Amino acid sequence: MSAITMNDWEGSVPLYIASESYGGRIAVEFAYALAHAVQGGTIRCNLRGLFLGSPWLSPVDSIAAWPQYLAGLGFVDEGGRERIERKVAAVRDTVRQSERPGLSMEGWHGLQQTIVQETGGINCYNVLKPSRKEIQPHDVESDEVLVYGETLWWYSDTGPPPPESHTSSNPLEQLMRGPVSHTLGIAATKRPPWGTQRTAVFDALGDDFLQSSVGTVQRLLNETDLELVVYSARPYRLPAGDTRLDGSIVRTLAGEPFTTEPSGIIEGYRSRYSDRFTHYTVLRAGHMVPADNPSAMLHILHRHVGGTPVE
């Protein structure tokens, strides 16, 4: 952290929590705990709000939307849709049986396998992008490759990935071991390649992965003055669906288009559900909005954090 951030941490420096996908589920829980610590006087900081990118807030609602979504786009026929729906129902039932949470992940693995088999393989970040059909061995334990098909080596934490997986041309490795490590003051040398611990982390959080955080979002809106900004796009399969927030807290308003200058191109649509809750549907993007449409992401940040004026 920079010196000015450390000096002003308890004063004027605003704090925003930004997250993506499953990170959104963790972010709202973290923000709720932090907000109450601030209110109780045990922590002093200027917490302002959250940015939730394609958040995995209500997993069961999200996966319930997948069968019809895939059928509507032509990835599966009616039989495929029904087979996926049966897997979704099995996951929903096991999530409700909280006595044995491990069963939920077994159902999740089965659902992922069925989707791959029925579609022949799709890019879950952005279903409009090309993908390769890859048949996975039946004894594979982790489902990470089924969700993020380009990273086959996520299956194993027993050793580093092949050298070609982490070269100087890898953008994510460059970002995390370059600007991010530098900004956080973390030495980037003598560290394992970025991502080699993901499977272990995913497995450790397995029992939590399919739990809902909608109630916590509701409490953030009811009990704090934090601003919530949600942004997502349509052409991806991961977190889509209904968050089912109380209608007394949020009111549905028609989305208005937003543009970026100087192009004037419509980048998406903004809907304000309350004074502290805004949702953006971003065009020309999949699951990773900042990577797919950085102009739209910059617009959102400027509008809610500050900087260059926006319309």
C-alpha atoms as a PDB file:
ATOM      1  CA  MET A   1       0.000   0.000   0.000  1.00  0.00           C
ATOM      2  CA  SER A   2       1.227   3.480  -0.772  1.00  0.00           C
ATOM      3  CA  ALA A   3       2.411   5.821   1.960  1.00  0.00           C
ATOM      4  CA  ILE A   4      -0.515   8.200   1.478  1.00  0.00           C
ATOM      5  CA  THR A   5      -2.973   5.330   1.783  1.00  0.00           C
ATOM      6  CA  MET A   6      -1.381   4.250   5.057  1.00  0.00           C
ATOM      7  CA  ASN A   7      -1.368   7.816   6.401  1.00  0.00           C
ATOM      8  CA  ASP A   8      -4.978   8.553   5.471  1.00  0.00           C
ATOM      9  CA  TRP A   9      -6.425   5.075   6.001  1.00  0.00           C
ATOM     10  CA  GLU A  10      -8.540   6.165   8.971  1.00  0.00           C
ATOM     11  CA  GLY A  11      -9.361   9.506   7.396  1.00  0.00           C
ATOM     12  CA  SER A  12     -10.216  10.651   3.919  1.00  0.00           C
ATOM     13  CA  VAL A  13      -9.183   7.737   1.683  1.00  0.00           C
ATOM     14  CA  PRO A  14     -12.370   6.020   0.463  1.00  0.00           C
ATOM     15  CA  LEU A  15     -12.403   2.227   0.480  1.00  0.00           C
ATOM     16  CA  TYR A  16     -14.261   0.245  -2.173  1.00  0.00           C
ATOM     17  CA  ILE A  17     -14.365  -3.548  -2.288  1.00  0.00           C
ATOM     18  CA  ALA A  18     -14.238  -4.929  -5.826  1.00  0.00           C
ATOM     19  CA  SER A  19     -14.895  -8.543  -6.739  1.00  0.00           C
ATOM     20  CA  GLU A  20     -15.626 -10.950  -9.571  1.00  0.00           C
ATOM     21  CA  SER A  21     -17.769 -14.106  -9.780  1.00  0.00           C
ATOM     22  CA  TYR A  22     -17.505 -16.223  -6.594  1.00  0.00           C
ATOM     23  CA  GLY A  23     -15.507 -13.343  -5.160  1.00  0.00           C
ATOM     24  CA  GLY A  24     -18.765 -11.383  -5.100  1.00  0.00           C
ATOM     25  CA  ARG A  25     -20.209 -13.879  -2.660  1.00  0.00           C
ATOM     26  CA  ILE A  26     -17.172 -13.466  -0.402  1.00  0.00           C
ATOM     27  CA  ALA A  27     -17.105  -9.679  -0.862  1.00  0.00           C
ATOM     28  CA  VAL A  28     -20.615  -9.077   0.471  1.00  0.00           C
ATOM     29  CA  GLU A  29     -19.922 -11.214   3.549  1.00  0.00           C
ATOM     30  CA  PHE A  30     -16.629  -9.411   4.144  1.00  0.00           C
ATOM     31  CA  ALA A  31     -18.223  -5.981   3.598  1.00  0.00           C
ATOM     32  CA  TYR A  32     -21.051  -6.739   6.014  1.00  0.00           C
ATOM     33  CA  ALA A  33     -18.619  -7.778   8.746  1.00  0.00           C
ATOM     34  CA  LEU A  34     -16.379  -4.777   8.084  1.00  0.00           C
ATOM     35  CA  ALA A  35     -19.301  -2.337   8.062  1.00  0.00           C
ATOM     36  CA  HIS A  36     -20.452  -3.568  11.464  1.00  0.00           C
ATOM     37  CA  ALA A  37     -16.907  -3.350  12.812  1.00  0.00           C
ATOM     38  CA  VAL A  38     -16.766   0.265  11.624  1.00  0.00           C
ATOM     39  CA  GLN A  39     -20.171   1.013  13.152  1.00  0.00           C
ATOM     40  CA  GLY A  40     -19.055  -0.577  16.413  1.00  0.00           C
ATOM     41  CA  GLY A  41     -15.854   1.446  16.525  1.00  0.00           C
ATOM     42  CA  THR A  42     -13.458  -1.504  16.461  1.00  0.00           C
ATOM     43  CA  ILE A  43     -12.138  -0.549  13.007  1.00  0.00           C
ATOM     44  CA  ARG A  44     -11.804   2.912  11.527  1.00  0.00           C
ATOM     45  CA  CYS A  45     -11.938   3.272   7.752  1.00  0.00           C
ATOM     46  CA  ASN A  46     -13.912   5.158   5.136  1.00  0.00           C
ATOM     47  CA  LEU A  47     -15.810   2.228   3.613  1.00  0.00           C
ATOM     48  CA  ARG A  48     -17.972   3.506   0.746  1.00  0.00           C
ATOM     49  CA  GLY A  49     -19.246   0.614  -1.340  1.00  0.00           C
ATOM     50  CA  LEU A  50     -18.877  -2.575  -3.347  1.00  0.00           C
ATOM     51  CA  PHE A  51     -18.397  -3.422  -7.005  1.00  0.00           C
ATOM     52  CA  LEU A  52     -19.752  -6.885  -7.793  1.00  0.00           C
ATOM     53  CA  GLY A  53     -18.751  -8.219 -11.202  1.00  0.00           C
ATOM     54  CA  SER A  54     -20.938 -11.081 -12.491  1.00  0.00           C
ATOM     55  CA  PRO A  55     -21.449 -12.090  -8.850  1.00  0.00           C
ATOM     56  CA  TRP A  56     -22.167 -15.664  -7.766  1.00  0.00           C
ATOM     57  CA  LEU A  57     -24.676 -14.512  -5.148  1.00  0.00           C
ATOM     58  CA  SER A  58     -27.429 -17.085  -5.579  1.00  0.00           C
ATOM     59  CA  PRO A  59     -25.871 -20.208  -7.124  1.00  0.00           C
ATOM     60  CA  VAL A  60     -29.003 -22.364  -7.119  1.00  0.00           C
ATOM     61  CA  ASP A  61     -30.997 -19.664  -8.911  1.00  0.00           C
ATOM     62  CA  SER A  62     -28.140 -19.215 -11.349  1.00  0.00           C
ATOM     63  CA  ILE A  63     -27.812 -22.845 -12.361  1.00  0.00           C
ATOM     64  CA  ALA A  64     -31.603 -23.137 -12.635  1.00  0.00           C
ATOM     65  CA  ALA A  65     -31.409 -20.679 -15.541  1.00  0.00           C
ATOM     66  CA  TRP A  66     -28.759 -22.630 -17.460  1.00  0.00           C
ATOM     67  CA  PRO A  67     -30.851 -25.332 -19.211  1.00  0.00           C
ATOM     68  CA  GLN A  68     -33.236 -22.898 -20.897  1.00  0.00           C
ATOM     69  CA  TYR A  69     -30.408 -20.449 -21.589  1.00  0.00           C
ATOM     70  CA  LEU A  70     -28.353 -23.090 -23.415  1.00  0.00           C
ATOM     71  CA  ALA A  71     -31.419 -24.329 -25.278  1.00  0.00           C
ATOM     72  CA  GLY A  72     -32.399 -20.811 -26.299  1.00  0.00           C
ATOM     73  CA  LEU A  73     -28.972 -20.245 -27.828  1.00  0.00           C
ATOM     74  CA  GLY A  74     -29.105 -23.568 -29.654  1.00  0.00           C
ATOM     75  CA  PHE A  75     -26.324 -25.331 -27.750  1.00  0.00           C
ATOM     76  CA  VAL A  76     -28.617 -28.193 -26.710  1.00  0.00           C
ATOM     77  CA  ASP A  77     -31.812 -29.725 -28.046  1.00  0.00           C
ATOM     78  CA  GLU A  78     -34.920 -30.479 -26.015  1.00  0.00           C
ATOM     79  CA  GLY A  79     -33.532 -33.790 -24.788  1.00  0.00           C
ATOM     80  CA  GLY A  80     -30.291 -32.146 -23.721  1.00  0.00           C
ATOM     81  CA  ARG A  81     -32.183 -29.426 -21.901  1.00  0.00           C
ATOM     82  CA  GLU A  82     -34.194 -32.005 -19.971  1.00  0.00           C
ATOM     83  CA  ARG A  83     -31.097 -33.986 -19.008  1.00  0.00           C
ATOM     84  CA  ILE A  84     -29.390 -30.854 -17.729  1.00  0.00           C
ATOM     85  CA  GLU A  85     -32.533 -29.864 -15.839  1.00  0.00           C
ATOM     86  CA  ARG A  86     -32.522 -33.206 -14.031  1.00  0.00           C
ATOM     87  CA  LYS A  87     -28.936 -32.578 -12.924  1.00  0.00           C
ATOM     88  CA  VAL A  88     -29.888 -29.071 -11.791  1.00  0.00           C
ATOM     89  CA  ALA A  89     -32.763 -30.483  -9.743  1.00  0.00           C
ATOM     90  CA  ALA A  90     -30.390 -32.959  -8.095  1.00  0.00           C
ATOM     91  CA  VAL A  91     -28.015 -30.150  -7.106  1.00  0.00           C
ATOM     92  CA  ARG A  92     -30.899 -28.062  -5.766  1.00  0.00           C
ATOM     93  CA  ASP A  93     -32.116 -30.955  -3.622  1.00  0.00           C
ATOM     94  CA  THR A  94     -28.700 -31.695  -2.136  1.00  0.00           C
ATOM     95  CA  VAL A  95     -28.042 -28.024  -1.352  1.00  0.00           C
ATOM     96  CA  ARG A  96     -31.228 -28.050   0.718  1.00  0.00           C
ATOM     97  CA  GLN A  97     -29.948 -31.107   2.597  1.00  0.00           C
ATOM     98  CA  SER A  98     -27.423 -29.112   4.588  1.00  0.00           C
ATOM     99  CA  GLU A  99     -26.519 -32.101   6.783  1.00  0.00           C
ATOM    100  CA  ARG A 100     -24.292 -33.473   4.003  1.00  0.00           C
ATOM    101  CA  PRO A 101     -22.862 -30.488   2.089  1.00  0.00           C
ATOM    102  CA  GLY A 102     -20.319 -32.668   0.298  1.00  0.00           C
ATOM    103  CA  LEU A 103     -23.148 -34.174  -1.730  1.00  0.00           C
ATOM    104  CA  SER A 104     -23.792 -30.765  -3.278  1.00  0.00           C
ATOM    105  CA  MET A 105     -20.355 -30.704  -4.855  1.00  0.00           C
ATOM    106  CA  GLU A 106     -20.797 -34.236  -6.167  1.00  0.00           C
ATOM    107  CA  GLY A 107     -23.950 -33.043  -7.880  1.00  0.00           C
ATOM    108  CA  TRP A 108     -22.108 -29.972  -9.157  1.00  0.00           C
ATOM    109  CA  HIS A 109     -19.413 -32.127 -10.746  1.00  0.00           C
ATOM    110  CA  GLY A 110     -22.114 -34.233 -12.393  1.00  0.00           C
ATOM    111  CA  LEU A 111     -23.888 -31.151 -13.716  1.00  0.00           C
ATOM    112  CA  GLN A 112     -20.684 -29.801 -15.243  1.00  0.00           C
ATOM    113  CA  GLN A 113     -19.921 -33.128 -16.901  1.00  0.00           C
ATOM    114  CA  THR A 114     -23.423 -33.298 -18.357  1.00  0.00           C
ATOM    115  CA  ILE A 115     -23.172 -29.793 -19.801  1.00  0.00           C
ATOM    116  CA  VAL A 116     -19.858 -30.618 -21.455  1.00  0.00           C
ATOM    117  CA  GLN A 117     -21.271 -33.840 -22.882  1.00  0.00           C
ATOM    118  CA  GLU A 118     -24.467 -32.230 -24.159  1.00  0.00           C
ATOM    119  CA  THR A 119     -22.838 -29.160 -25.699  1.00  0.00           C
ATOM    120  CA  GLY A 120     -19.589 -30.730 -26.847  1.00  0.00           C
ATOM    121  CA  GLY A 121     -17.774 -28.065 -24.845  1.00  0.00           C
ATOM    122  CA  ILE A 122     -18.468 -24.341 -24.556  1.00  0.00           C
ATOM    123  CA  ASN A 123     -16.521 -21.329 -23.374  1.00  0.00           C
ATOM    124  CA  CYS A 124     -18.171 -20.564 -20.043  1.00  0.00           C
ATOM    125  CA  TYR A 125     -16.593 -17.123 -19.851  1.00  0.00           C
ATOM    126  CA  ASN A 126     -18.229 -16.133 -23.124  1.00  0.00           C
ATOM    127  CA  VAL A 127     -20.369 -18.642 -25.012  1.00  0.00           C
ATOM    128  CA  LEU A 128     -19.929 -16.668 -28.238  1.00  0.00           C
ATOM    129  CA  LYS A 129     -16.201 -17.361 -28.321  1.00  0.00           C
ATOM    130  CA  PRO A 130     -14.780 -20.483 -30.007  1.00  0.00           C
ATOM    131  CA  SER A 131     -14.147 -23.582 -27.905  1.00  0.00           C
ATOM    132  CA  ARG A 132     -12.605 -27.002 -28.443  1.00  0.00           C
ATOM    133  CA  LYS A 133     -14.273 -30.308 -27.748  1.00  0.00           C
ATOM    134  CA  GLU A 134     -12.195 -32.073 -25.110  1.00  0.00           C
ATOM    135  CA  ILE A 135     -13.241 -35.394 -23.584  1.00  0.00           C
ATOM    136  CA  GLN A 136     -12.176 -35.558 -19.943  1.00  0.00           C
ATOM    137  CA  PRO A 137     -11.204 -38.777 -18.115  1.00  0.00           C
ATOM    138  CA  HIS A 138     -13.873 -40.105 -15.783  1.00  0.00           C
ATOM    139  CA  ASP A 139     -11.524 -40.303 -12.792  1.00  0.00           C
ATOM    140  CA  VAL A 140     -10.853 -36.558 -12.711  1.00  0.00           C
ATOM    141  CA  GLU A 141     -11.824 -35.167  -9.314  1.00  0.00           C
ATOM    142  CA  SER A 142     -11.814 -31.394  -9.793  1.00  0.00           C
ATOM    143  CA  ASP A 143     -14.312 -29.694 -12.054  1.00  0.00           C
ATOM    144  CA  GLU A 144     -12.292 -26.540 -12.566  1.00  0.00           C
ATOM    145  CA  VAL A 145     -11.365 -27.461 -16.112  1.00  0.00           C
ATOM    146  CA  LEU A 146     -15.042 -27.923 -16.921  1.00  0.00           C
ATOM    147  CA  VAL A 147     -15.746 -24.402 -15.804  1.00  0.00           C
ATOM    148  CA  TYR A 148     -12.597 -22.827 -17.182  1.00  0.00           C
ATOM    149  CA  GLY A 149     -11.642 -25.161 -19.996  1.00  0.00           C
ATOM    150  CA  GLU A 150      -8.456 -23.455 -21.080  1.00  0.00           C
ATOM    151  CA  THR A 151      -6.550 -24.376 -17.899  1.00  0.00           C
ATOM    152  CA  LEU A 152      -6.251 -28.152 -17.870  1.00  0.00           C
ATOM    153  CA  TRP A 153      -3.400 -28.084 -15.364  1.00  0.00           C
ATOM    154  CA  TRP A 154      -5.728 -26.872 -12.612  1.00  0.00           C
ATOM    155  CA  TYR A 155      -6.439 -30.533 -11.977  1.00  0.00           C
ATOM    156  CA  SER A 156      -3.189 -31.069 -10.093  1.00  0.00           C
ATOM    157  CA  ASP A 157      -1.333 -29.297  -7.314  1.00  0.00           C
ATOM    158  CA  THR A 158       1.408 -31.927  -7.196  1.00  0.00           C
ATOM    159  CA  GLY A 159       3.780 -29.895  -9.289  1.00  0.00           C
ATOM    160  CA  PRO A 160       4.149 -26.806 -11.448  1.00  0.00           C
ATOM    161  CA  PRO A 161       2.290 -26.571 -14.739  1.00  0.00           C
ATOM    162  CA  PRO A 162       4.141 -27.183 -17.980  1.00  0.00           C
ATOM    163  CA  PRO A 163       6.660 -24.452 -18.794  1.00  0.00           C
ATOM    164  CA  GLU A 164       4.609 -23.282 -21.755  1.00  0.00           C
ATOM    165  CA  SER A 165       1.687 -22.507 -19.423  1.00  0.00           C
ATOM    166  CA  HIS A 166       3.610 -19.714 -17.712  1.00  0.00           C
ATOM    167  CA  THR A 167       5.791 -17.819 -20.068  1.00  0.00           C
ATOM    168  CA  SER A 168       6.619 -14.163 -20.348  1.00  0.00           C
ATOM    169  CA  SER A 169       3.722 -13.829 -22.783  1.00  0.00           C
ATOM    170  CA  ASN A 170       1.083 -14.935 -20.243  1.00  0.00           C
ATOM    171  CA  PRO A 171      -0.976 -11.765 -19.595  1.00  0.00           C
ATOM    172  CA  LEU A 172      -2.368 -12.859 -16.221  1.00  0.00           C
ATOM    173  CA  GLU A 173       1.049 -13.908 -14.934  1.00  0.00           C
ATOM    174  CA  GLN A 174       2.483 -10.578 -16.077  1.00  0.00           C
ATOM    175  CA  LEU A 175      -0.316  -8.643 -14.380  1.00  0.00           C
ATOM    176  CA  MET A 176      -0.245 -10.458 -11.041  1.00  0.00           C
ATOM    177  CA  ARG A 177       3.537 -10.780 -10.795  1.00  0.00           C
ATOM    178  CA  GLY A 178       4.079  -7.296 -12.227  1.00  0.00           C
ATOM    179  CA  PRO A 179       1.898  -4.249 -11.428  1.00  0.00           C
ATOM    180  CA  VAL A 180      -0.227  -5.974  -8.767  1.00  0.00           C
ATOM    181  CA  SER A 181       2.733  -7.379  -6.815  1.00  0.00           C
ATOM    182  CA  HIS A 182       4.543  -4.061  -7.119  1.00  0.00           C
ATOM    183  CA  THR A 183       1.545  -2.036  -5.899  1.00  0.00           C
ATOM    184  CA  LEU A 184       1.011  -4.332  -2.920  1.00  0.00           C
ATOM    185  CA  GLY A 185       4.718  -4.411  -2.099  1.00  0.00           C
ATOM    186  CA  ILE A 186       4.950  -8.179  -2.580  1.00  0.00           C
ATOM    187  CA  ALA A 187       8.178  -9.618  -3.931  1.00  0.00           C
ATOM    188  CA  ALA A 188       7.377 -11.456  -7.155  1.00  0.00           C
ATOM    189  CA  THR A 189      10.527 -13.563  -7.195  1.00  0.00           C
ATOM    190  CA  LYS A 190      10.835 -17.142  -5.928  1.00  0.00           C
ATOM    191  CA  ARG A 191       7.085 -17.645  -5.875  1.00  0.00           C
ATOM    192  CA  PRO A 192       5.102 -20.474  -7.508  1.00  0.00           C
ATOM    193  CA  PRO A 193       3.531 -19.764 -10.896  1.00  0.00           C
ATOM    194  CA  TRP A 194       0.312 -17.846 -10.586  1.00  0.00           C
ATOM    195  CA  GLY A 195      -2.672 -20.160 -10.210  1.00  0.00           C
ATOM    196  CA  THR A 196      -1.021 -23.394  -9.098  1.00  0.00           C
ATOM    197  CA  GLN A 197      -2.939 -23.391  -5.795  1.00  0.00           C
ATOM    198  CA  ARG A 198      -6.399 -22.859  -7.266  1.00  0.00           C
ATOM    199  CA  THR A 199      -7.558 -26.436  -7.040  1.00  0.00           C
ATOM    200  CA  ALA A 200      -6.624 -26.649  -3.371  1.00  0.00           C
ATOM    201  CA  VAL A 201      -8.468 -23.396  -2.684  1.00  0.00           C
ATOM    202  CA  PHE A 202     -11.521 -24.517  -4.651  1.00  0.00           C
ATOM    203  CA  ASP A 203     -11.647 -27.828  -2.793  1.00  0.00           C
ATOM    204  CA  ALA A 204     -11.272 -26.098   0.576  1.00  0.00           C
ATOM    205  CA  LEU A 205     -14.224 -23.824  -0.194  1.00  0.00           C
ATOM    206  CA  GLY A 206     -16.346 -26.574  -1.725  1.00  0.00           C
ATOM    207  CA  ASP A 207     -18.962 -26.686   1.047  1.00  0.00           C
ATOM    208  CA  ASP A 208     -19.445 -22.921   0.755  1.00  0.00           C
ATOM    209  CA  PHE A 209     -19.469 -22.683  -3.030  1.00  0.00           C
ATOM    210  CA  LEU A 210     -23.191 -23.259  -3.616  1.00  0.00           C
ATOM    211  CA  GLN A 211     -24.501 -21.290  -0.639  1.00  0.00           C
ATOM    212  CA  SER A 212     -26.474 -18.083  -1.182  1.00  0.00           C
ATOM    213  CA  SER A 213     -25.448 -14.584  -0.066  1.00  0.00           C
ATOM    214  CA  VAL A 214     -28.680 -12.867  -1.100  1.00  0.00           C
ATOM    215  CA  GLY A 215     -29.646 -12.446   2.550  1.00  0.00           C
ATOM    216  CA  THR A 216     -26.389 -10.631   3.223  1.00  0.00           C
ATOM    217  CA  VAL A 217     -26.982  -8.314   0.266  1.00  0.00           C
ATOM    218  CA  GLN A 218     -30.395  -7.562   1.745  1.00  0.00           C
ATOM    219  CA  ARG A 219     -28.812  -6.765   5.108  1.00  0.00           C
ATOM    220  CA  LEU A 220     -26.227  -4.497   3.490  1.00  0.00           C
ATOM    221  CA  LEU A 221     -29.047  -2.488   1.932  1.00  0.00           C
ATOM    222  CA  ASN A 222     -31.098  -2.465   5.145  1.00  0.00           C
ATOM    223  CA  GLU A 223     -28.444  -1.903   7.779  1.00  0.00           C
ATOM    224  CA  THR A 224     -25.642   0.087   6.130  1.00  0.00           C
ATOM    225  CA  ASP A 225     -25.244   3.118   3.900  1.00  0.00           C
ATOM    226  CA  LEU A 226     -22.900   1.344   1.467  1.00  0.00           C
ATOM    227  CA  GLU A 227     -23.393   1.666  -2.274  1.00  0.00           C
ATOM    228  CA  LEU A 228     -23.728  -1.556  -4.286  1.00  0.00           C
ATOM    229  CA  VAL A 229     -22.800  -1.586  -7.963  1.00  0.00           C
ATOM    230  CA  VAL A 230     -23.422  -4.808  -9.886  1.00  0.00           C
ATOM    231  CA  TYR A 231     -22.232  -5.269 -13.463  1.00  0.00           C
ATOM    232  CA  SER A 232     -22.643  -8.276 -15.706  1.00  0.00           C
ATOM    233  CA  ALA A 233     -23.107  -9.308 -19.322  1.00  0.00           C
ATOM    234  CA  ARG A 234     -25.270 -11.783 -21.187  1.00  0.00           C
ATOM    235  CA  PRO A 235     -23.088 -14.127 -23.312  1.00  0.00           C
ATOM    236  CA  TYR A 236     -21.747 -16.257 -20.477  1.00  0.00           C
ATOM    237  CA  ARG A 237     -23.028 -19.273 -18.601  1.00  0.00           C
ATOM    238  CA  LEU A 238     -21.729 -18.803 -15.079  1.00  0.00           C
ATOM    239  CA  PRO A 239     -23.618 -16.458 -12.733  1.00  0.00           C
ATOM    240  CA  ALA A 240     -26.958 -15.561 -14.244  1.00  0.00           C
ATOM    241  CA  GLY A 241     -30.292 -15.712 -12.550  1.00  0.00           C
ATOM    242  CA  ASP A 242     -32.523 -14.164  -9.933  1.00  0.00           C
ATOM    243  CA  THR A 243     -31.216 -12.563  -6.747  1.00  0.00           C
ATOM    244  CA  ARG A 244     -34.751 -12.280  -5.266  1.00  0.00           C
ATOM    245  CA  LEU A 245     -34.214  -9.133  -3.220  1.00  0.00           C
ATOM    246  CA  ASP A 246     -37.062  -7.642  -1.204  1.00  0.00           C
ATOM    247  CA  GLY A 247     -39.212  -5.396  -3.394  1.00  0.00           C
ATOM    248  CA  SER A 248     -39.523  -2.883  -0.560  1.00  0.00           C
ATOM    249  CA  ILE A 249     -35.802  -2.231  -0.832  1.00  0.00           C
ATOM    250  CA  VAL A 250     -35.321  -2.283  -4.605  1.00  0.00           C
ATOM    251  CA  ARG A 251     -37.667  -1.011  -7.250  1.00  0.00           C
ATOM    252  CA  THR A 252     -37.391  -2.086 -10.869  1.00  0.00           C
ATOM    253  CA  LEU A 253     -36.663   0.774 -13.258  1.00  0.00           C
ATOM    254  CA  ALA A 254     -36.197   0.659 -17.003  1.00  0.00           C
ATOM    255  CA  GLY A 255     -32.572   0.421 -18.046  1.00  0.00           C
ATOM    256  CA  GLU A 256     -31.119   3.499 -19.722  1.00  0.00           C
ATOM    257  CA  PRO A 257     -28.284   3.209 -22.238  1.00  0.00           C
ATOM    258  CA  PHE A 258     -24.869   4.532 -21.303  1.00  0.00           C
ATOM    259  CA  THR A 259     -22.179   5.577 -23.754  1.00  0.00           C
ATOM    260  CA  THR A 260     -18.470   6.322 -23.648  1.00  0.00           C
ATOM    261  CA  GLU A 261     -16.778   9.381 -25.067  1.00  0.00           C
ATOM    262  CA  PRO A 262     -15.697  10.355 -27.604  1.00  0.00           C
ATOM    263  CA  SER A 263     -17.110   7.416 -29.572  1.00  0.00           C
ATOM    264  CA  GLY A 264     -20.694   7.796 -28.385  1.00  0.00           C
ATOM    265  CA  ILE A 265     -21.101   4.017 -28.692  1.00  0.00           C
ATOM    266  CA  ILE A 266     -23.705   2.425 -26.438  1.00  0.00           C
ATOM    267  CA  GLU A 267     -21.734   0.190 -24.079  1.00  0.00           C
ATOM    268  CA  GLY A 268     -24.671  -1.169 -22.107  1.00  0.00           C
ATOM    269  CA  TYR A 269     -27.651  -0.309 -19.955  1.00  0.00           C
ATOM    270  CA  ARG A 270     -27.853   1.097 -16.447  1.00  0.00           C
ATOM    271  CA  SER A 271     -30.723   0.379 -14.043  1.00  0.00           C
ATOM    272  CA  ARG A 272     -31.004   2.082 -10.651  1.00  0.00           C
ATOM    273  CA  TYR A 273     -33.056  -0.007  -8.248  1.00  0.00           C
ATOM    274  CA  SER A 274     -32.527   2.382  -5.345  1.00  0.00           C
ATOM    275  CA  ASP A 275     -30.309   5.315  -4.467  1.00  0.00           C
ATOM    276  CA  ARG A 276     -27.600   2.863  -3.375  1.00  0.00           C
ATOM    277  CA  PHE A 277     -28.107  -0.055  -5.742  1.00  0.00           C
ATOM    278  CA  THR A 278     -27.235   0.143  -9.452  1.00  0.00           C
ATOM    279  CA  HIS A 279     -26.977  -2.629 -12.024  1.00  0.00           C
ATOM    280  CA  TYR A 280     -25.180  -2.431 -15.373  1.00  0.00           C
ATOM    281  CA  THR A 281     -25.777  -4.829 -18.237  1.00  0.00           C
ATOM    282  CA  VAL A 282     -22.638  -4.519 -20.362  1.00  0.00           C
ATOM    283  CA  LEU A 283     -22.596  -5.206 -24.099  1.00  0.00           C
ATOM    284  CA  ARG A 284     -19.787  -6.911 -26.024  1.00  0.00           C
ATOM    285  CA  ALA A 285     -18.600  -8.734 -22.916  1.00  0.00           C
ATOM    286  CA  GLY A 286     -18.798 -12.118 -21.257  1.00  0.00           C
ATOM    287  CA  HIS A 287     -18.093 -13.155 -17.690  1.00  0.00           C
ATOM    288  CA  MET A 288     -15.001 -10.947 -17.385  1.00  0.00           C
ATOM    289  CA  VAL A 289     -16.351  -7.471 -18.143  1.00  0.00           C
ATOM    290  CA  PRO A 290     -13.118  -5.546 -17.369  1.00  0.00           C
ATOM    291  CA  ALA A 291     -11.190  -7.684 -19.869  1.00  0.00           C
ATOM    292  CA  ASP A 292     -13.844  -7.839 -22.596  1.00  0.00           C
ATOM    293  CA  ASN A 293     -15.094  -4.244 -22.472  1.00  0.00           C
ATOM    294  CA  PRO A 294     -12.634  -2.049 -20.551  1.00  0.00           C
ATOM    295  CA  SER A 295     -14.275   1.150 -21.832  1.00  0.00           C
ATOM    296  CA  ALA A 296     -17.539   0.220 -20.149  1.00  0.00           C
ATOM    297  CA  MET A 297     -15.743  -0.770 -16.952  1.00  0.00           C
ATOM    298  CA  LEU A 298     -13.877   2.532 -16.869  1.00  0.00           C
ATOM    299  CA  HIS A 299     -17.158   4.395 -17.321  1.00  0.00           C
ATOM    300  CA  ILE A 300     -18.669   2.543 -14.352  1.00  0.00           C
ATOM    301  CA  LEU A 301     -15.672   3.298 -12.135  1.00  0.00           C
ATOM    302  CA  HIS A 302     -15.668   6.979 -13.077  1.00  0.00           C
ATOM    303  CA  ARG A 303     -19.364   7.337 -12.369  1.00  0.00           C
ATOM    304  CA  HIS A 304     -19.261   5.746  -8.930  1.00  0.00           C
ATOM    305  CA  VAL A 305     -15.734   6.374  -7.649  1.00  0.00           C
ATOM    306  CA  GLY A 306     -14.837   9.624  -9.365  1.00  0.00           C
ATOM    307  CA  GLY A 307     -12.353  10.861 -11.915  1.00  0.00           C
ATOM    308  CA  THR A 308     -13.101  11.929 -15.454  1.00  0.00           C
ATOM    309  CA  PRO A 309     -16.695  13.217 -15.686  1.00  0.00           C
ATOM    310  CA  VAL A 310     -19.213  11.027 -17.477  1.00  0.00           C
ATOM    311  CA  GLU A 311     -22.545  11.871 -19.000  1.00  0.00           C
END
